[in-house]
Amino acid sequence: MARHLLTDRAVRNAKPVPKPYRLFDGDGLALWVSPTGAKSWQLRYRLGGKDQTLTLGKLDHLTLAQARTKANEQRKLAAEGEHLTTIKHAAKLKRTVDASNTFGKFAAAWIAREARRMRWTQGYRDEVTASLKNHLAALDSQPLAKITAAMTAPMLLGVEQSAPHMVEKVRRRLRAILDDAVEHGIIPGNPLPATRRRKKLERRHFPAQTKLPEIGDILRAARAADPCKGIARAHALLVYTAQRVSEVVGAKWAEFELDGADVPIGEGQHTKRDANAGNWAIPRERMKRKDEDRGPHVVPLPPALLAALREWREADGAEAIYVCPAPRDPSKPITPEGVEKFYRNALVLGGKHSPHSWRSAFSTVCREAGKDGDAVEAQLDHVVGNKVAAAYDRAKRLQRRRELMRWYERQLIAARDGADVVMLGRQSAAPSSSIPISA
């Protein structure tokens, strides 16, 4: 059968007439011309003894040479018994499905599934969401099927340069999302390399400033930095309670007992109401240790922090939910990454002191002063080694920890204000009792 009967000029000069017609190029390829002047390429072929027609594309998008090449490819499939129109419709459907399965939509669904399956705390879920938004937002509109290692490599390199402490987390989460897409049959395989460039050889170490003069420098710098309300409050809670950053950022006003608290009398079961005491009961679901039979982790609030919390509560009003609200949306809490960024950038403490480091600072200062080690461990919600220490939580006998936190707060305020600190003195005082930064 003759081929290549048409020329580019003949194709361009084909004029519309009242009825549609075809100009044949040979071997089934033809230019179809409609009465409106629209032109498209068609391939006529036989399958199962019947004539079939496949539209290859419009002339505006397909030149004569390109149409011939595409026709040759389709003839080979037809020779193998394939129904070309069915293949075309399947490919179109796949493109539609791929377009709907974007990374952003699938990542959000993955977070929801993993949060339920692994019982993530709200704080950790917010941290995962923020890490993807901050570092992989460029992938959100990309179909999963089009994501390649070459596409993600520059993004991960950028994370390594701008936030080296986050690169392994982001890399691990990206791989987990793509693995999940494979399990759901959306992509045939994970496009990322099978092995990471570097392995995590040891447990993460949190550098910390544990000497009171250096701690005082940090507190003064934080006060001068004047961060947003949510960051300022989170910083104060981290400093004066020694709780984890994920527990702090998710703190809700409903968890705080600010108008006085029941305190034990001696070692017995009797209590009395102390108007100058306050507690923060962190739900066990937000704690690292999630053994529910232990109940919430009750944190005694030292006087200056308690006074600040009362002021913040009054300023926020009864409708407020979170103690550390996000600056743009008070109905949501700030993220752990936001606090870490404040320490890293505003305070220039990268590699020196992180939000988590206040736990080490608290433990070191108290132990070097000869304070009760079991009380220190109980305050940190660590596993303690004897029944007496365990009783701090089980019987809610918080008085020893309350006294410890009052003493520790005095040391910090004295260090912040440059006063001489008498480490072993119960009455070591500070020139000021205010929390270091306003909120």
Protein backbone atom coordinates (compact mmCIF):
# COMPACT_ATOMS: atom_id res chain seq x y z
CA MET A 1 0.00 0.00 0.00
CA ALA A 2 1.29 3.43 -0.96
CA ARG A 3 2.48 5.69 1.86
CA HIS A 4 3.38 9.34 2.34
CA LEU A 5 0.91 10.63 -0.24
CA LEU A 6 0.40 13.94 1.56
CA THR A 7 2.68 16.96 1.77
CA ASP A 8 2.84 19.71 4.36
CA ARG A 9 1.45 22.15 1.79
CA ALA A 10 -1.51 19.91 1.00
CA VAL A 11 -2.25 19.58 4.69
CA ARG A 12 -2.11 23.34 5.25
CA ASN A 13 -4.23 24.10 2.17
CA ALA A 14 -7.01 21.63 2.94
CA LYS A 15 -10.22 23.71 2.99
CA PRO A 16 -13.50 22.95 4.77
CA VAL A 17 -16.55 21.95 2.74
CA PRO A 18 -20.19 21.39 3.79
CA LYS A 19 -19.44 17.75 4.62
CA PRO A 20 -16.43 16.30 6.49
CA TYR A 21 -13.84 14.50 4.38
CA ARG A 22 -10.48 12.74 4.65
CA LEU A 23 -7.16 13.20 2.85
CA PHE A 24 -5.31 9.87 2.91
CA ASP A 25 -1.57 9.62 3.47
CA GLY A 26 -1.54 5.85 2.99
CA ASP A 27 -1.65 2.69 5.12
CA GLY A 28 -4.67 3.94 7.06
CA LEU A 29 -3.34 7.38 8.07
CA ALA A 30 -5.63 10.25 7.05
CA LEU A 31 -6.25 13.92 7.75
CA TRP A 32 -9.89 14.45 8.75
CA VAL A 33 -11.29 17.90 7.87
CA SER A 34 -14.56 19.07 9.46
CA PRO A 35 -17.02 21.61 7.99
CA THR A 36 -15.83 24.12 10.60
CA GLY A 37 -12.22 23.81 9.42
CA ALA A 38 -10.98 21.73 12.36
CA LYS A 39 -8.34 19.21 11.29
CA SER A 40 -7.21 16.05 13.07
CA TRP A 41 -5.26 12.91 12.28
CA GLN A 42 -6.96 9.52 12.17
CA LEU A 43 -5.65 5.99 11.79
CA ARG A 44 -7.94 3.41 10.23
CA TYR A 45 -7.13 -0.24 10.93
CA ARG A 46 -8.81 -3.65 11.16
CA LEU A 47 -9.26 -5.68 14.32
CA GLY A 48 -11.15 -8.97 14.46
CA GLY A 49 -12.33 -8.52 10.89
CA LYS A 50 -13.88 -5.11 11.60
CA ASP A 51 -12.81 -1.61 10.59
CA GLN A 52 -11.68 0.60 13.49
CA THR A 53 -10.74 4.28 13.66
CA LEU A 54 -8.36 5.89 16.17
CA THR A 55 -7.97 9.65 16.49
CA LEU A 56 -4.28 10.43 16.92
CA GLY A 57 -4.59 14.13 17.68
CA LYS A 58 -5.34 17.55 16.27
CA LEU A 59 -3.25 19.09 13.52
CA ASP A 60 -2.47 22.03 15.83
CA HIS A 61 -0.58 19.63 18.12
CA LEU A 62 0.68 17.04 15.63
CA THR A 63 2.59 17.76 12.42
CA LEU A 64 2.50 15.46 9.41
CA ALA A 65 5.85 13.91 10.34
CA GLN A 66 4.78 13.42 13.95
CA ALA A 67 1.49 11.88 12.85
CA ARG A 68 3.36 9.36 10.68
CA THR A 69 5.63 8.39 13.59
CA LYS A 70 2.70 7.97 15.97
CA ALA A 71 0.77 5.97 13.36
CA ASN A 72 3.69 3.54 13.01
CA GLU A 73 3.71 2.99 16.80
CA GLN A 74 -0.03 2.34 16.86
CA ARG A 75 0.11 -0.06 13.87
CA LYS A 76 2.51 -2.28 15.85
CA LEU A 77 0.05 -2.46 18.75
CA ALA A 78 -2.83 -3.21 16.37
CA ALA A 79 -0.78 -6.00 14.79
CA GLU A 80 -0.50 -7.56 18.27
CA GLY A 81 -4.29 -7.57 18.58
CA GLU A 82 -4.65 -4.50 20.81
CA HIS A 83 -7.77 -2.34 20.63
CA LEU A 84 -6.21 1.09 20.16
CA THR A 85 -9.22 3.11 21.31
CA THR A 86 -9.43 1.09 24.54
CA ILE A 87 -5.74 1.71 25.19
CA LYS A 88 -6.25 5.42 24.56
CA HIS A 89 -9.18 5.62 26.99
CA ALA A 90 -7.24 3.70 29.65
CA ALA A 91 -4.30 6.08 29.29
CA LYS A 92 -6.62 9.07 29.61
CA LEU A 93 -8.20 7.57 32.72
CA LYS A 94 -4.75 6.97 34.21
CA ARG A 95 -3.82 10.60 33.60
CA THR A 96 -7.00 11.68 35.36
CA VAL A 97 -6.32 9.39 38.33
CA ASP A 98 -2.69 10.51 38.50
CA ALA A 99 -3.77 14.15 38.51
CA SER A 100 -6.13 13.52 41.45
CA ASN A 101 -3.50 11.54 43.39
CA THR A 102 -1.22 14.46 44.10
CA PHE A 103 1.48 14.31 46.75
CA GLY A 104 -0.23 16.94 48.90
CA LYS A 105 -3.57 15.13 49.05
CA PHE A 106 -2.02 11.71 49.60
CA ALA A 107 0.40 13.01 52.25
CA ALA A 108 -2.51 14.50 54.23
CA ALA A 109 -4.34 11.16 54.06
CA TRP A 110 -1.16 9.33 55.11
CA ILE A 111 -0.77 11.57 58.16
CA ALA A 112 -4.38 10.90 59.18
CA ARG A 113 -3.94 7.12 58.83
CA GLU A 114 -0.61 7.00 60.66
CA ALA A 115 -1.88 9.25 63.46
CA ARG A 116 -4.70 6.79 64.13
CA ARG A 117 -2.58 3.67 63.71
CA MET A 118 0.37 4.83 65.82
CA ARG A 119 -1.69 6.91 68.26
CA TRP A 120 0.28 10.07 67.60
CA THR A 121 -0.12 12.95 69.99
CA GLN A 122 -1.61 16.11 68.50
CA GLY A 123 1.71 17.85 69.00
CA TYR A 124 3.61 15.21 67.04
CA ARG A 125 1.00 15.21 64.28
CA ASP A 126 1.33 18.98 63.97
CA GLU A 127 5.13 18.64 63.84
CA VAL A 128 4.94 16.08 61.00
CA THR A 129 2.46 18.25 59.08
CA ALA A 130 4.63 21.34 59.51
CA SER A 131 7.79 19.52 58.39
CA LEU A 132 6.15 18.49 55.09
CA LYS A 133 4.65 21.93 54.56
CA ASN A 134 7.91 23.74 55.27
CA HIS A 135 10.24 21.49 53.28
CA LEU A 136 8.24 19.58 50.64
CA ALA A 137 5.50 22.04 49.67
CA ALA A 138 6.83 22.13 46.09
CA LEU A 139 5.65 18.53 45.69
CA ASP A 140 2.06 19.18 46.78
CA SER A 141 0.63 19.68 43.29
CA GLN A 142 2.73 16.93 41.68
CA PRO A 143 1.03 13.63 40.76
CA LEU A 144 2.62 10.81 42.72
CA ALA A 145 3.36 8.96 39.48
CA LYS A 146 5.56 11.84 38.28
CA ILE A 147 7.73 12.17 41.38
CA THR A 148 11.31 11.03 40.78
CA ALA A 149 14.52 10.86 42.77
CA ALA A 150 15.93 13.61 40.55
CA MET A 151 13.01 15.82 41.57
CA THR A 152 13.33 15.25 45.32
CA ALA A 153 17.13 15.30 45.59
CA PRO A 154 17.49 19.13 45.35
CA MET A 155 14.74 19.58 47.93
CA LEU A 156 16.41 17.27 50.43
CA LEU A 157 19.75 18.95 49.78
CA GLY A 158 18.10 22.28 50.53
CA VAL A 159 16.76 20.91 53.83
CA GLU A 160 20.23 19.63 54.68
CA GLN A 161 21.68 23.10 54.17
CA SER A 162 18.95 25.18 55.81
CA ALA A 163 17.78 22.82 58.57
CA PRO A 164 20.27 19.96 58.98
CA HIS A 165 18.51 18.74 62.12
CA MET A 166 15.39 18.05 60.02
CA VAL A 167 16.80 16.36 56.93
CA GLU A 168 16.61 12.78 58.21
CA LYS A 169 13.06 13.27 59.48
CA VAL A 170 11.91 14.74 56.17
CA ARG A 171 13.68 12.04 54.15
CA ARG A 172 12.17 9.28 56.29
CA ARG A 173 8.66 10.73 56.04
CA LEU A 174 8.91 11.22 52.28
CA ARG A 175 9.98 7.61 51.84
CA ALA A 176 7.15 6.37 54.09
CA ILE A 177 4.56 8.31 52.07
CA LEU A 178 5.83 6.91 48.77
CA ASP A 179 5.98 3.38 50.24
CA ASP A 180 2.34 3.79 51.24
CA ALA A 181 1.48 4.91 47.70
CA VAL A 182 3.06 1.67 46.42
CA GLU A 183 0.95 -0.39 48.84
CA HIS A 184 -2.18 1.39 47.61
CA GLY A 185 -1.33 0.55 44.01
CA ILE A 186 -0.95 4.17 42.95
CA ILE A 187 2.68 3.90 41.86
CA PRO A 188 4.60 0.74 40.87
CA GLY A 189 7.59 1.41 43.09
CA ASN A 190 9.26 3.92 45.39
CA PRO A 191 11.40 6.24 43.22
CA LEU A 192 13.77 7.11 46.06
CA PRO A 193 17.06 5.19 46.41
CA ALA A 194 16.81 2.02 48.46
CA THR A 195 19.44 3.20 50.93
CA ARG A 196 20.03 6.57 52.49
CA ARG A 197 23.28 8.42 51.93
CA ARG A 198 24.14 8.24 55.60
CA LYS A 199 23.03 6.09 58.47
CA LYS A 200 22.14 7.26 61.90
CA LEU A 201 24.87 5.63 63.91
CA GLU A 202 23.91 6.69 67.38
CA ARG A 203 21.06 8.03 69.41
CA ARG A 204 20.36 11.70 68.90
CA HIS A 205 22.21 13.91 71.33
CA PHE A 206 20.72 17.19 72.52
CA PRO A 207 23.50 19.66 73.38
CA ALA A 208 22.65 21.72 76.43
CA GLN A 209 23.92 24.62 78.50
CA THR A 210 23.84 23.34 82.07
CA LYS A 211 25.74 26.03 83.99
CA LEU A 212 23.70 28.82 85.54
CA PRO A 213 25.75 31.71 84.08
CA GLU A 214 25.24 30.38 80.53
CA ILE A 215 21.58 29.67 81.29
CA GLY A 216 21.23 33.27 82.45
CA ASP A 217 22.63 34.45 79.11
CA ILE A 218 19.97 32.46 77.24
CA LEU A 219 17.15 33.82 79.39
CA ARG A 220 18.29 37.41 78.87
CA ALA A 221 18.64 36.86 75.12
CA ALA A 222 15.15 35.37 74.93
CA ARG A 223 13.69 38.34 76.78
CA ALA A 224 15.43 40.75 74.39
CA ALA A 225 14.33 38.79 71.29
CA ASP A 226 10.65 39.62 71.91
CA PRO A 227 9.09 36.68 70.00
CA CYS A 228 5.40 36.24 69.24
CA LYS A 229 3.03 35.34 72.07
CA GLY A 230 2.93 31.61 71.34
CA ILE A 231 6.71 31.25 71.15
CA ALA A 232 7.25 33.38 74.27
CA ARG A 233 4.86 31.29 76.34
CA ALA A 234 6.25 28.01 75.05
CA HIS A 235 9.75 29.18 75.99
CA ALA A 236 8.62 30.02 79.53
CA LEU A 237 6.91 26.65 79.99
CA LEU A 238 9.96 24.81 78.67
CA VAL A 239 12.31 26.69 80.99
CA TYR A 240 10.32 26.49 84.21
CA THR A 241 8.68 23.05 83.91
CA ALA A 242 11.32 21.01 82.00
CA GLN A 243 8.68 19.25 79.91
CA ARG A 244 9.11 18.13 76.30
CA VAL A 245 8.47 20.61 73.50
CA SER A 246 5.72 18.43 72.00
CA GLU A 247 3.92 18.47 75.36
CA VAL A 248 4.34 22.21 75.77
CA VAL A 249 3.10 23.41 72.37
CA GLY A 250 -0.11 21.39 72.70
CA ALA A 251 -0.92 22.72 76.18
CA LYS A 252 -4.59 23.68 76.60
CA TRP A 253 -6.02 26.00 79.22
CA ALA A 254 -8.37 23.23 80.35
CA GLU A 255 -5.34 21.27 81.60
CA PHE A 256 -4.28 23.97 84.08
CA GLU A 257 -5.39 24.41 87.67
CA LEU A 258 -4.52 28.06 88.30
CA ASP A 259 -6.83 29.12 91.14
CA GLY A 260 -5.19 27.04 93.83
CA ALA A 261 -4.54 23.33 94.22
CA ASP A 262 -4.88 20.61 96.81
CA VAL A 263 -1.49 19.86 98.36
CA PRO A 264 -0.69 16.92 100.64
CA ILE A 265 -0.18 17.28 104.35
CA GLY A 266 2.95 15.36 105.26
CA GLU A 267 3.16 11.85 103.82
CA GLY A 268 -0.44 10.93 104.56
CA GLN A 269 -3.53 10.95 102.39
CA HIS A 270 -4.92 14.24 103.73
CA THR A 271 -4.69 17.43 101.70
CA LYS A 272 -5.36 21.12 102.11
CA ARG A 273 -6.24 23.82 99.62
CA ASP A 274 -3.34 26.13 98.78
CA ALA A 275 -4.35 29.28 96.91
CA ASN A 276 -0.71 29.89 95.97
CA ALA A 277 -0.29 26.51 94.29
CA GLY A 278 -1.14 25.41 90.77
CA ASN A 279 -0.86 22.30 88.64
CA TRP A 280 -0.67 21.38 84.99
CA ALA A 281 -2.13 17.94 84.22
CA ILE A 282 -0.74 16.80 80.86
CA PRO A 283 -2.94 14.08 79.30
CA ARG A 284 -1.12 10.79 79.06
CA GLU A 285 -1.88 10.62 75.33
CA ARG A 286 0.44 13.61 74.77
CA MET A 287 3.27 12.15 76.83
CA LYS A 288 6.11 10.02 75.54
CA ARG A 289 5.18 7.35 78.09
CA LYS A 290 1.60 6.43 77.23
CA ASP A 291 0.85 3.82 79.90
CA GLU A 292 -2.69 5.02 80.59
CA ASP A 293 -2.98 3.37 84.01
CA ARG A 294 -0.63 6.05 85.35
CA GLY A 295 -3.05 8.85 84.54
CA PRO A 296 -2.03 12.36 83.46
CA HIS A 297 1.42 13.69 84.26
CA VAL A 298 0.84 16.34 86.93
CA VAL A 299 3.37 19.18 86.82
CA PRO A 300 3.54 21.53 89.83
CA LEU A 301 3.76 25.17 88.74
CA PRO A 302 6.32 27.38 90.51
CA PRO A 303 5.11 30.79 91.77
CA ALA A 304 6.42 33.17 89.09
CA LEU A 305 5.26 30.93 86.25
CA LEU A 306 1.89 30.48 87.96
CA ALA A 307 1.47 34.25 88.22
CA ALA A 308 2.34 34.66 84.54
CA LEU A 309 -0.12 31.94 83.53
CA ARG A 310 -2.89 33.67 85.45
CA GLU A 311 -2.16 36.91 83.59
CA TRP A 312 -2.10 35.12 80.23
CA ARG A 313 -5.38 33.37 80.99
CA GLU A 314 -7.11 36.63 81.82
CA ALA A 315 -5.70 38.31 78.71
CA ASP A 316 -6.81 35.47 76.41
CA GLY A 317 -10.40 35.31 77.61
CA ALA A 318 -12.66 32.36 78.28
CA GLU A 319 -12.91 31.27 74.64
CA ALA A 320 -9.18 30.60 74.20
CA ILE A 321 -8.15 26.96 73.85
CA TYR A 322 -4.37 26.84 73.54
CA VAL A 323 -1.87 28.42 75.89
CA CYS A 324 0.65 28.82 73.06
CA PRO A 325 -1.48 29.86 70.06
CA ALA A 326 -0.24 30.14 66.51
CA PRO A 327 0.25 33.80 65.52
CA ARG A 328 -2.01 33.66 62.45
CA ASP A 329 -4.66 31.30 63.78
CA PRO A 330 -5.19 31.31 67.57
CA SER A 331 -7.48 28.29 67.24
CA LYS A 332 -4.36 26.21 66.55
CA PRO A 333 -1.19 25.79 68.61
CA ILE A 334 2.28 26.73 67.47
CA THR A 335 4.42 23.88 66.18
CA PRO A 336 7.54 22.37 67.78
CA GLU A 337 9.46 23.39 64.68
CA GLY A 338 8.47 27.01 65.24
CA VAL A 339 9.98 26.91 68.72
CA GLU A 340 13.10 25.16 67.46
CA LYS A 341 13.50 27.80 64.75
CA PHE A 342 13.32 30.55 67.39
CA TYR A 343 16.15 28.90 69.34
CA ARG A 344 18.20 28.24 66.22
CA ASN A 345 17.79 31.59 64.45
CA ALA A 346 16.69 34.29 66.90
CA LEU A 347 18.79 33.04 69.82
CA VAL A 348 21.59 31.62 67.61
CA LEU A 349 21.74 28.45 69.70
CA GLY A 350 22.05 25.89 66.91
CA GLY A 351 24.25 23.04 68.13
CA LYS A 352 24.40 24.58 71.62
CA HIS A 353 20.98 24.47 73.24
CA SER A 354 17.60 23.34 71.94
CA PRO A 355 14.09 23.45 73.43
CA HIS A 356 14.60 19.86 74.60
CA SER A 357 17.84 20.87 76.34
CA TRP A 358 15.98 22.41 79.28
CA ARG A 359 15.35 18.90 80.55
CA SER A 360 19.10 18.27 80.73
CA ALA A 361 19.68 21.68 82.28
CA PHE A 362 17.05 21.02 84.96
CA SER A 363 18.44 17.59 85.79
CA THR A 364 22.06 18.78 85.94
CA VAL A 365 21.42 21.90 88.04
CA CYS A 366 19.29 19.98 90.53
CA ARG A 367 21.65 17.02 90.86
CA GLU A 368 24.74 19.19 91.24
CA ALA A 369 22.93 20.96 94.07
CA GLY A 370 22.28 17.62 95.77
CA LYS A 371 18.53 17.63 95.21
CA ASP A 372 16.36 14.50 95.41
CA GLY A 373 17.16 12.48 92.28
CA ASP A 374 13.85 10.61 92.38
CA ALA A 375 11.96 13.91 92.47
CA VAL A 376 13.95 15.09 89.45
CA GLU A 377 13.14 11.92 87.51
CA ALA A 378 9.46 12.10 88.47
CA GLN A 379 9.27 15.70 87.24
CA LEU A 380 10.70 14.54 83.89
CA ASP A 381 8.21 11.62 83.81
CA HIS A 382 11.11 9.18 83.63
CA VAL A 383 11.02 5.64 84.92
CA VAL A 384 12.25 5.79 88.50
CA GLY A 385 14.08 3.07 90.30
CA ASN A 386 12.20 2.62 93.56
CA LYS A 387 8.69 2.54 94.98
CA VAL A 388 9.08 5.74 96.97
CA ALA A 389 9.73 7.73 93.80
CA ALA A 390 6.88 6.00 91.96
CA ALA A 391 4.54 7.15 94.70
CA TYR A 392 4.99 10.74 93.56
CA ASP A 393 2.65 10.04 90.66
CA ARG A 394 0.48 7.23 91.99
CA ALA A 395 -0.60 9.04 95.13
CA LYS A 396 -0.19 12.53 93.64
CA ARG A 397 2.16 13.49 96.45
CA LEU A 398 3.57 16.49 94.69
CA GLN A 399 4.88 18.51 97.61
CA ARG A 400 8.53 17.47 97.22
CA ARG A 401 8.42 18.22 93.51
CA ARG A 402 6.60 21.48 94.17
CA GLU A 403 9.36 22.56 96.54
CA LEU A 404 11.97 21.43 94.03
CA MET A 405 10.42 23.50 91.22
CA ARG A 406 10.15 26.57 93.46
CA TRP A 407 13.83 26.24 94.29
CA TYR A 408 14.76 25.70 90.63
CA GLU A 409 12.75 28.72 89.51
CA ARG A 410 14.60 30.91 92.02
CA GLN A 411 17.93 29.72 90.63
CA LEU A 412 16.93 30.55 87.07
CA ILE A 413 15.56 34.00 87.87
CA ALA A 414 18.69 34.81 89.86
CA ALA A 415 20.87 33.65 86.96
CA ARG A 416 18.81 35.70 84.53
CA ASP A 417 19.06 38.86 86.63
CA GLY A 418 22.74 38.38 87.39
CA ALA A 419 22.31 37.74 91.12
CA ASP A 420 24.63 35.51 93.10
CA VAL A 421 23.13 32.03 93.31
CA VAL A 422 23.58 30.02 96.50
CA MET A 423 23.12 26.55 95.09
CA LEU A 424 22.30 24.71 98.32
CA GLY A 425 20.35 27.44 100.05
CA ARG A 426 16.59 26.94 100.22
CA GLN A 427 16.05 30.68 100.54
CA SER A 428 18.30 31.82 97.68
CA ALA A 429 16.36 34.74 96.29
CA ALA A 430 16.17 36.61 93.04
CA PRO A 431 15.77 40.34 92.56
CA SER A 432 12.68 39.75 90.41
CA SER A 433 9.98 37.12 90.32
CA SER A 434 8.69 37.87 86.84
CA ILE A 435 8.91 35.45 83.94
CA PRO A 436 11.72 36.51 81.56
CA ILE A 437 9.72 37.37 78.46
CA SER A 438 6.33 38.97 78.11
CA ALA A 439 3.49 37.15 76.41
